[in-house]
Every structure is written in C-alpha cells, then in structure tokens.
PDB file of all heavy atoms in Angstrom:
ATOM      1  N   PRO A   1      -0.959  11.936 -11.770  1.00  0.00           N
ATOM      2  CA  PRO A   1      -1.113  13.051 -10.816  1.00  0.00           C
ATOM      3  C   PRO A   1      -2.554  13.485 -10.598  1.00  0.00           C
ATOM      4  O   PRO A   1      -2.854  14.095  -9.565  1.00  0.00           O
ATOM      5  CB  PRO A   1      -0.296  14.173 -11.459  1.00  0.00           C
ATOM      6  CG  PRO A   1      -0.213  13.823 -12.905  1.00  0.00           C
ATOM      7  CD  PRO A   1      -0.185  12.329 -12.961  1.00  0.00           C
ATOM      8  N   ASP A   2      -3.448  13.163 -11.540  1.00  0.00           N
ATOM      9  CA  ASP A   2      -4.841  13.590 -11.413  1.00  0.00           C
ATOM     10  C   ASP A   2      -5.754  12.486 -10.896  1.00  0.00           C
ATOM     11  O   ASP A   2      -6.975  12.652 -10.874  1.00  0.00           O
ATOM     12  CB  ASP A   2      -5.366  14.092 -12.769  1.00  0.00           C
ATOM     13  CG  ASP A   2      -4.611  15.322 -13.246  1.00  0.00           C
ATOM     14  OD1 ASP A   2      -4.108  16.064 -12.385  1.00  0.00           O
ATOM     15  OD2 ASP A   2      -4.525  15.525 -14.467  1.00  0.00           O
ATOM     16  N   GLU A   3      -5.185  11.362 -10.479  1.00  0.00           N
ATOM     17  CA  GLU A   3      -5.963  10.244  -9.956  1.00  0.00           C
ATOM     18  C   GLU A   3      -5.651  10.025  -8.486  1.00  0.00           C
ATOM     19  O   GLU A   3      -4.506  10.214  -8.050  1.00  0.00           O
ATOM     20  CB  GLU A   3      -5.691   8.963 -10.744  1.00  0.00           C
ATOM     21  CG  GLU A   3      -6.126   9.017 -12.201  1.00  0.00           C
ATOM     22  CD  GLU A   3      -7.637   9.128 -12.347  1.00  0.00           C
ATOM     23  OE1 GLU A   3      -8.354   8.641 -11.435  1.00  0.00           O
ATOM     24  OE2 GLU A   3      -8.096   9.690 -13.355  1.00  0.00           O
ATOM     25  N   ALA A   4      -6.658   9.602  -7.727  1.00  0.00           N
ATOM     26  CA  ALA A   4      -6.482   9.425  -6.281  1.00  0.00           C
ATOM     27  C   ALA A   4      -5.752   8.140  -5.916  1.00  0.00           C
ATOM     28  O   ALA A   4      -5.252   8.005  -4.799  1.00  0.00           O
ATOM     29  CB  ALA A   4      -7.849   9.441  -5.592  1.00  0.00           C
ATOM     30  N   GLU A   5      -5.679   7.189  -6.839  1.00  0.00           N
ATOM     31  CA  GLU A   5      -5.074   5.899  -6.517  1.00  0.00           C
ATOM     32  C   GLU A   5      -3.595   6.063  -6.213  1.00  0.00           C
ATOM     33  O   GLU A   5      -2.879   6.764  -6.927  1.00  0.00           O
ATOM     34  CB  GLU A   5      -5.259   4.922  -7.675  1.00  0.00           C
ATOM     35  CG  GLU A   5      -6.683   4.818  -8.194  1.00  0.00           C
ATOM     36  CD  GLU A   5      -7.637   4.150  -7.219  1.00  0.00           C
ATOM     37  OE1 GLU A   5      -7.303   4.077  -6.012  1.00  0.00           O
ATOM     38  OE2 GLU A   5      -8.700   3.707  -7.653  1.00  0.00           O
ATOM     39  N   SER A   6      -3.127   5.403  -5.152  1.00  0.00           N
ATOM     40  CA  SER A   6      -1.754   5.568  -4.695  1.00  0.00           C
ATOM     41  C   SER A   6      -1.162   4.239  -4.258  1.00  0.00           C
ATOM     42  O   SER A   6      -1.878   3.263  -4.018  1.00  0.00           O
ATOM     43  CB  SER A   6      -1.685   6.541  -3.507  1.00  0.00           C
ATOM     44  OG  SER A   6      -2.142   7.816  -3.841  1.00  0.00           O
ATOM     45  N   PHE A   7       0.167   4.234  -4.160  1.00  0.00           N
ATOM     46  CA  PHE A   7       0.901   3.193  -3.459  1.00  0.00           C
ATOM     47  C   PHE A   7       1.458   3.825  -2.181  1.00  0.00           C
ATOM     48  O   PHE A   7       2.177   4.823  -2.243  1.00  0.00           O
ATOM     49  CB  PHE A   7       2.066   2.673  -4.305  1.00  0.00           C
ATOM     50  CG  PHE A   7       1.672   1.725  -5.388  1.00  0.00           C
ATOM     51  CD1 PHE A   7       1.286   2.191  -6.633  1.00  0.00           C
ATOM     52  CD2 PHE A   7       1.697   0.367  -5.165  1.00  0.00           C
ATOM     53  CE1 PHE A   7       0.943   1.321  -7.632  1.00  0.00           C
ATOM     54  CE2 PHE A   7       1.344  -0.528  -6.155  1.00  0.00           C
ATOM     55  CZ  PHE A   7       0.964  -0.042  -7.408  1.00  0.00           C
ATOM     56  N   GLU A   8       1.132   3.229  -1.056  1.00  0.00           N
ATOM     57  CA  GLU A   8       1.631   3.752   0.208  1.00  0.00           C
ATOM     58  C   GLU A   8       2.392   2.664   0.950  1.00  0.00           C
ATOM     59  O   GLU A   8       1.877   1.564   1.182  1.00  0.00           O
ATOM     60  CB  GLU A   8       0.488   4.256   1.084  1.00  0.00           C
ATOM     61  CG  GLU A   8       0.963   4.860   2.394  1.00  0.00           C
ATOM     62  CD  GLU A   8      -0.163   5.430   3.230  1.00  0.00           C
ATOM     63  OE1 GLU A   8      -1.341   5.269   2.834  1.00  0.00           O
ATOM     64  OE2 GLU A   8       0.129   6.032   4.290  1.00  0.00           O
ATOM     65  N   PHE A   9       3.621   2.958   1.302  1.00  0.00           N
ATOM     66  CA  PHE A   9       4.462   2.009   2.028  1.00  0.00           C
ATOM     67  C   PHE A   9       4.387   2.330   3.518  1.00  0.00           C
ATOM     68  O   PHE A   9       4.638   3.457   3.946  1.00  0.00           O
ATOM     69  CB  PHE A   9       5.908   2.100   1.535  1.00  0.00           C
ATOM     70  CG  PHE A   9       6.064   1.690   0.100  1.00  0.00           C
ATOM     71  CD1 PHE A   9       5.922   2.625  -0.921  1.00  0.00           C
ATOM     72  CD2 PHE A   9       6.326   0.373  -0.241  1.00  0.00           C
ATOM     73  CE1 PHE A   9       6.055   2.261  -2.255  1.00  0.00           C
ATOM     74  CE2 PHE A   9       6.462  -0.009  -1.568  1.00  0.00           C
ATOM     75  CZ  PHE A   9       6.317   0.942  -2.580  1.00  0.00           C
ATOM     76  N   LYS A  10       4.064   1.310   4.305  1.00  0.00           N
ATOM     77  CA  LYS A  10       3.919   1.488   5.749  1.00  0.00           C
ATOM     78  C   LYS A  10       4.796   0.467   6.468  1.00  0.00           C
ATOM     79  O   LYS A  10       4.958  -0.665   6.013  1.00  0.00           O
ATOM     80  CB  LYS A  10       2.443   1.330   6.159  1.00  0.00           C
ATOM     81  CG  LYS A  10       1.531   2.365   5.511  1.00  0.00           C
ATOM     82  CD  LYS A  10       0.090   2.169   5.948  1.00  0.00           C
ATOM     83  CE  LYS A  10      -0.163   2.686   7.340  1.00  0.00           C
ATOM     84  NZ  LYS A  10      -0.112   4.151   7.429  1.00  0.00           N
ATOM     85  N   ARG A  11       5.308   0.881   7.610  1.00  0.00           N
ATOM     86  CA  ARG A  11       6.198   0.007   8.362  1.00  0.00           C
ATOM     87  C   ARG A  11       5.441  -1.180   8.948  1.00  0.00           C
ATOM     88  O   ARG A  11       4.350  -1.033   9.478  1.00  0.00           O
ATOM     89  CB  ARG A  11       6.864   0.786   9.492  1.00  0.00           C
ATOM     90  CG  ARG A  11       7.748   1.928   9.025  1.00  0.00           C
ATOM     91  CD  ARG A  11       8.460   2.547  10.200  1.00  0.00           C
ATOM     92  NE  ARG A  11       9.050   3.835   9.842  1.00  0.00           N
ATOM     93  CZ  ARG A  11       9.818   4.542  10.642  1.00  0.00           C
ATOM     94  NH1 ARG A  11      10.075   4.094  11.863  1.00  0.00           N
ATOM     95  NH2 ARG A  11      10.325   5.693  10.253  1.00  0.00           N
ATOM     96  N   SER A  12       6.071  -2.329   8.876  1.00  0.00           N
ATOM     97  CA  SER A  12       5.507  -3.540   9.470  1.00  0.00           C
ATOM     98  C   SER A  12       6.129  -3.760  10.842  1.00  0.00           C
ATOM     99  O   SER A  12       7.152  -3.152  11.192  1.00  0.00           O
ATOM    100  CB  SER A  12       5.784  -4.751   8.580  1.00  0.00           C
ATOM    101  OG  SER A  12       7.176  -5.035   8.546  1.00  0.00           O
ATOM    102  N   ASP A  13       5.527  -4.632  11.608  1.00  0.00           N
ATOM    103  CA  ASP A  13       6.059  -4.937  12.943  1.00  0.00           C
ATOM    104  C   ASP A  13       7.427  -5.608  12.870  1.00  0.00           C
ATOM    105  O   ASP A  13       8.195  -5.578  13.836  1.00  0.00           O
ATOM    106  CB  ASP A  13       5.085  -5.849  13.702  1.00  0.00           C
ATOM    107  CG  ASP A  13       3.772  -5.152  14.020  1.00  0.00           C
ATOM    108  OD1 ASP A  13       3.765  -3.906  14.057  1.00  0.00           O
ATOM    109  OD2 ASP A  13       2.766  -5.864  14.217  1.00  0.00           O
ATOM    110  N   GLU A  14       7.725  -6.218  11.723  1.00  0.00           N
ATOM    111  CA  GLU A  14       8.999  -6.932  11.579  1.00  0.00           C
ATOM    112  C   GLU A  14      10.146  -6.007  11.203  1.00  0.00           C
ATOM    113  O   GLU A  14      11.294  -6.446  11.087  1.00  0.00           O
ATOM    114  CB  GLU A  14       8.860  -8.031  10.516  1.00  0.00           C
ATOM    115  CG  GLU A  14       7.933  -9.180  10.912  1.00  0.00           C
ATOM    116  CD  GLU A  14       6.470  -8.778  10.815  1.00  0.00           C
ATOM    117  OE1 GLU A  14       6.147  -7.866  10.006  1.00  0.00           O
ATOM    118  OE2 GLU A  14       5.652  -9.353  11.549  1.00  0.00           O
ATOM    119  N   GLY A  15       9.852  -4.724  10.963  1.00  0.00           N
ATOM    120  CA  GLY A  15      10.906  -3.779  10.650  1.00  0.00           C
ATOM    121  C   GLY A  15      11.025  -3.423   9.194  1.00  0.00           C
ATOM    122  O   GLY A  15      11.744  -2.503   8.818  1.00  0.00           O
ATOM    123  N   GLY A  16      10.334  -4.172   8.322  1.00  0.00           N
ATOM    124  CA  GLY A  16      10.317  -3.854   6.908  1.00  0.00           C
ATOM    125  C   GLY A  16       9.092  -3.024   6.564  1.00  0.00           C
ATOM    126  O   GLY A  16       8.669  -2.158   7.341  1.00  0.00           O
ATOM    127  N   TYR A  17       8.478  -3.318   5.406  1.00  0.00           N
ATOM    128  CA  TYR A  17       7.326  -2.553   4.967  1.00  0.00           C
ATOM    129  C   TYR A  17       6.259  -3.468   4.396  1.00  0.00           C
ATOM    130  O   TYR A  17       6.536  -4.571   3.904  1.00  0.00           O
ATOM    131  CB  TYR A  17       7.727  -1.538   3.878  1.00  0.00           C
ATOM    132  CG  TYR A  17       8.476  -0.351   4.429  1.00  0.00           C
ATOM    133  CD1 TYR A  17       9.861  -0.393   4.564  1.00  0.00           C
ATOM    134  CD2 TYR A  17       7.802   0.786   4.840  1.00  0.00           C
ATOM    135  CE1 TYR A  17      10.563   0.680   5.087  1.00  0.00           C
ATOM    136  CE2 TYR A  17       8.487   1.868   5.366  1.00  0.00           C
ATOM    137  CZ  TYR A  17       9.864   1.807   5.491  1.00  0.00           C
ATOM    138  OH  TYR A  17      10.532   2.858   6.016  1.00  0.00           O
ATOM    139  N   TYR A  18       5.024  -3.015   4.478  1.00  0.00           N
ATOM    140  CA  TYR A  18       3.952  -3.586   3.657  1.00  0.00           C
ATOM    141  C   TYR A  18       3.424  -2.477   2.761  1.00  0.00           C
ATOM    142  O   TYR A  18       3.737  -1.294   2.947  1.00  0.00           O
ATOM    143  CB  TYR A  18       2.846  -4.223   4.509  1.00  0.00           C
ATOM    144  CG  TYR A  18       2.092  -3.289   5.426  1.00  0.00           C
ATOM    145  CD1 TYR A  18       0.947  -2.622   4.981  1.00  0.00           C
ATOM    146  CD2 TYR A  18       2.485  -3.106   6.748  1.00  0.00           C
ATOM    147  CE1 TYR A  18       0.232  -1.775   5.823  1.00  0.00           C
ATOM    148  CE2 TYR A  18       1.785  -2.271   7.600  1.00  0.00           C
ATOM    149  CZ  TYR A  18       0.658  -1.607   7.132  1.00  0.00           C
ATOM    150  OH  TYR A  18      -0.038  -0.778   7.965  1.00  0.00           O
ATOM    151  N   LEU A  19       2.659  -2.855   1.770  1.00  0.00           N
ATOM    152  CA  LEU A  19       2.244  -1.927   0.730  1.00  0.00           C
ATOM    153  C   LEU A  19       0.726  -1.849   0.667  1.00  0.00           C
ATOM    154  O   LEU A  19       0.045  -2.872   0.584  1.00  0.00           O
ATOM    155  CB  LEU A  19       2.789  -2.406  -0.622  1.00  0.00           C
ATOM    156  CG  LEU A  19       2.364  -1.663  -1.883  1.00  0.00           C
ATOM    157  CD1 LEU A  19       2.723  -0.195  -1.798  1.00  0.00           C
ATOM    158  CD2 LEU A  19       3.014  -2.304  -3.107  1.00  0.00           C
ATOM    159  N   LEU A  20       0.191  -0.624   0.740  1.00  0.00           N
ATOM    160  CA  LEU A  20      -1.231  -0.395   0.520  1.00  0.00           C
ATOM    161  C   LEU A  20      -1.415   0.142  -0.885  1.00  0.00           C
ATOM    162  O   LEU A  20      -0.915   1.223  -1.220  1.00  0.00           O
ATOM    163  CB  LEU A  20      -1.788   0.598   1.546  1.00  0.00           C
ATOM    164  CG  LEU A  20      -1.873   0.117   2.992  1.00  0.00           C
ATOM    165  CD1 LEU A  20      -2.427   1.231   3.874  1.00  0.00           C
ATOM    166  CD2 LEU A  20      -2.731  -1.126   3.118  1.00  0.00           C
ATOM    167  N   MET A  21      -2.113  -0.610  -1.701  1.00  0.00           N
ATOM    168  CA  MET A  21      -2.320  -0.214  -3.087  1.00  0.00           C
ATOM    169  C   MET A  21      -3.765   0.219  -3.285  1.00  0.00           C
ATOM    170  O   MET A  21      -4.704  -0.513  -2.964  1.00  0.00           O
ATOM    171  CB  MET A  21      -2.006  -1.371  -4.039  1.00  0.00           C
ATOM    172  CG  MET A  21      -2.222  -1.025  -5.510  1.00  0.00           C
ATOM    173  SD  MET A  21      -1.820  -2.383  -6.625  1.00  0.00           S
ATOM    174  CE  MET A  21      -3.185  -3.528  -6.297  1.00  0.00           C
ATOM    175  N   GLY A  22      -3.953   1.404  -3.810  1.00  0.00           N
ATOM    176  CA  GLY A  22      -5.290   1.844  -4.163  1.00  0.00           C
ATOM    177  C   GLY A  22      -5.688   1.252  -5.487  1.00  0.00           C
ATOM    178  O   GLY A  22      -4.945   1.318  -6.471  1.00  0.00           O
ATOM    179  N   TRP A  23      -6.878   0.662  -5.521  1.00  0.00           N
ATOM    180  CA  TRP A  23      -7.377   0.044  -6.751  1.00  0.00           C
ATOM    181  C   TRP A  23      -8.880   0.242  -6.818  1.00  0.00           C
ATOM    182  O   TRP A  23      -9.621  -0.266  -5.998  1.00  0.00           O
ATOM    183  CB  TRP A  23      -7.031  -1.446  -6.803  1.00  0.00           C
ATOM    184  CG  TRP A  23      -7.577  -2.142  -8.005  1.00  0.00           C
ATOM    185  CD1 TRP A  23      -7.144  -2.035  -9.295  1.00  0.00           C
ATOM    186  CD2 TRP A  23      -8.675  -3.071  -8.030  1.00  0.00           C
ATOM    187  NE1 TRP A  23      -7.902  -2.831 -10.117  1.00  0.00           N
ATOM    188  CE2 TRP A  23      -8.852  -3.473  -9.369  1.00  0.00           C
ATOM    189  CE3 TRP A  23      -9.517  -3.586  -7.047  1.00  0.00           C
ATOM    190  CZ2 TRP A  23      -9.844  -4.364  -9.749  1.00  0.00           C
ATOM    191  CZ3 TRP A  23     -10.508  -4.466  -7.429  1.00  0.00           C
ATOM    192  CH2 TRP A  23     -10.666  -4.865  -8.773  1.00  0.00           C
ATOM    193  N   ARG A  24      -9.317   1.047  -7.792  1.00  0.00           N
ATOM    194  CA  ARG A  24     -10.739   1.300  -7.993  1.00  0.00           C
ATOM    195  C   ARG A  24     -11.439   1.729  -6.705  1.00  0.00           C
ATOM    196  O   ARG A  24     -12.512   1.248  -6.347  1.00  0.00           O
ATOM    197  CB  ARG A  24     -11.423   0.073  -8.596  1.00  0.00           C
ATOM    198  CG  ARG A  24     -10.901  -0.251  -9.984  1.00  0.00           C
ATOM    199  CD  ARG A  24     -11.671  -1.343 -10.647  1.00  0.00           C
ATOM    200  NE  ARG A  24     -11.144  -1.592 -11.991  1.00  0.00           N
ATOM    201  CZ  ARG A  24     -11.669  -2.460 -12.830  1.00  0.00           C
ATOM    202  NH1 ARG A  24     -12.731  -3.167 -12.480  1.00  0.00           N
ATOM    203  NH2 ARG A  24     -11.145  -2.639 -14.025  1.00  0.00           N
ATOM    204  N   GLY A  25     -10.792   2.630  -6.007  1.00  0.00           N
ATOM    205  CA  GLY A  25     -11.390   3.200  -4.815  1.00  0.00           C
ATOM    206  C   GLY A  25     -11.250   2.363  -3.562  1.00  0.00           C
ATOM    207  O   GLY A  25     -11.748   2.732  -2.507  1.00  0.00           O
ATOM    208  N   VAL A  26     -10.555   1.212  -3.653  1.00  0.00           N
ATOM    209  CA  VAL A  26     -10.382   0.321  -2.508  1.00  0.00           C
ATOM    210  C   VAL A  26      -8.891   0.188  -2.216  1.00  0.00           C
ATOM    211  O   VAL A  26      -8.074   0.155  -3.135  1.00  0.00           O
ATOM    212  CB  VAL A  26     -10.986  -1.070  -2.804  1.00  0.00           C
ATOM    213  CG1 VAL A  26     -10.760  -2.018  -1.642  1.00  0.00           C
ATOM    214  CG2 VAL A  26     -12.467  -0.945  -3.117  1.00  0.00           C
ATOM    215  N   LYS A  27      -8.519   0.127  -0.941  1.00  0.00           N
ATOM    216  CA  LYS A  27      -7.129  -0.078  -0.569  1.00  0.00           C
ATOM    217  C   LYS A  27      -6.892  -1.551  -0.265  1.00  0.00           C
ATOM    218  O   LYS A  27      -7.602  -2.162   0.526  1.00  0.00           O
ATOM    219  CB  LYS A  27      -6.759   0.783   0.642  1.00  0.00           C
ATOM    220  CG  LYS A  27      -6.595   2.255   0.306  1.00  0.00           C
ATOM    221  CD  LYS A  27      -6.007   3.029   1.461  1.00  0.00           C
ATOM    222  CE  LYS A  27      -5.761   4.481   1.074  1.00  0.00           C
ATOM    223  NZ  LYS A  27      -5.158   5.251   2.182  1.00  0.00           N
ATOM    224  N   LEU A  28      -5.871  -2.122  -0.905  1.00  0.00           N
ATOM    225  CA  LEU A  28      -5.535  -3.522  -0.751  1.00  0.00           C
ATOM    226  C   LEU A  28      -4.132  -3.644  -0.156  1.00  0.00           C
ATOM    227  O   LEU A  28      -3.216  -2.910  -0.538  1.00  0.00           O
ATOM    228  CB  LEU A  28      -5.590  -4.231  -2.106  1.00  0.00           C
ATOM    229  CG  LEU A  28      -6.947  -4.142  -2.816  1.00  0.00           C
ATOM    230  CD1 LEU A  28      -6.816  -4.522  -4.267  1.00  0.00           C
ATOM    231  CD2 LEU A  28      -7.960  -5.031  -2.114  1.00  0.00           C
ATOM    232  N   LYS A  29      -3.968  -4.586   0.760  1.00  0.00           N
ATOM    233  CA  LYS A  29      -2.702  -4.734   1.474  1.00  0.00           C
ATOM    234  C   LYS A  29      -1.838  -5.799   0.833  1.00  0.00           C
ATOM    235  O   LYS A  29      -2.269  -6.929   0.620  1.00  0.00           O
ATOM    236  CB  LYS A  29      -2.964  -5.080   2.939  1.00  0.00           C
ATOM    237  CG  LYS A  29      -1.692  -5.185   3.775  1.00  0.00           C
ATOM    238  CD  LYS A  29      -2.019  -5.485   5.239  1.00  0.00           C
ATOM    239  CE  LYS A  29      -0.746  -5.590   6.068  1.00  0.00           C
ATOM    240  NZ  LYS A  29      -1.038  -5.851   7.503  1.00  0.00           N
ATOM    241  N   GLY A  30      -0.587  -5.405   0.537  1.00  0.00           N
ATOM    242  CA  GLY A  30       0.391  -6.347   0.038  1.00  0.00           C
ATOM    243  C   GLY A  30       1.481  -6.578   1.071  1.00  0.00           C
ATOM    244  O   GLY A  30       2.096  -5.630   1.569  1.00  0.00           O
ATOM    245  N   VAL A  31       1.724  -7.835   1.393  1.00  0.00           N
ATOM    246  CA  VAL A  31       2.729  -8.202   2.391  1.00  0.00           C
ATOM    247  C   VAL A  31       4.022  -8.575   1.682  1.00  0.00           C
ATOM    248  O   VAL A  31       4.009  -9.287   0.673  1.00  0.00           O
ATOM    249  CB  VAL A  31       2.229  -9.380   3.247  1.00  0.00           C
ATOM    250  CG1 VAL A  31       3.290  -9.807   4.258  1.00  0.00           C
ATOM    251  CG2 VAL A  31       0.940  -9.000   3.972  1.00  0.00           C
ATOM    252  N   ALA A  32       5.136  -8.099   2.195  1.00  0.00           N
ATOM    253  CA  ALA A  32       6.432  -8.399   1.580  1.00  0.00           C
ATOM    254  C   ALA A  32       6.730  -9.888   1.686  1.00  0.00           C
ATOM    255  O   ALA A  32       6.711 -10.467   2.766  1.00  0.00           O
ATOM    256  CB  ALA A  32       7.539  -7.588   2.260  1.00  0.00           C
ATOM    257  N   VAL A  33       7.001 -10.512   0.530  1.00  0.00           N
ATOM    258  CA  VAL A  33       7.348 -11.936   0.518  1.00  0.00           C
ATOM    259  C   VAL A  33       8.809 -12.155   0.156  1.00  0.00           C
ATOM    260  O   VAL A  33       9.316 -13.266   0.251  1.00  0.00           O
ATOM    261  CB  VAL A  33       6.448 -12.718  -0.457  1.00  0.00           C
ATOM    262  CG1 VAL A  33       5.012 -12.707   0.036  1.00  0.00           C
ATOM    263  CG2 VAL A  33       6.523 -12.136  -1.866  1.00  0.00           C
TER     264      VAL A  33
END
C-alpha cells in the first residue's frame, strides 16, 4: 500500500485484457498469451 508500483489491467482491441506492470518506476506491457 505504500509503494507506487501497480498492476493495471486494460482492455485490448480483441476484447480481453493486457497488463501494465510497474517495475522500478517503469511500466511494462504484458500481452495475454
């Protein structure tokens, strides 16, 4: 709760989700496989 790093789920064009993961101040995109 005291750290800014997050997992954020966002809708993809295909109707599912992709995942934005915060890691050491950088956001990285994970695609559903």
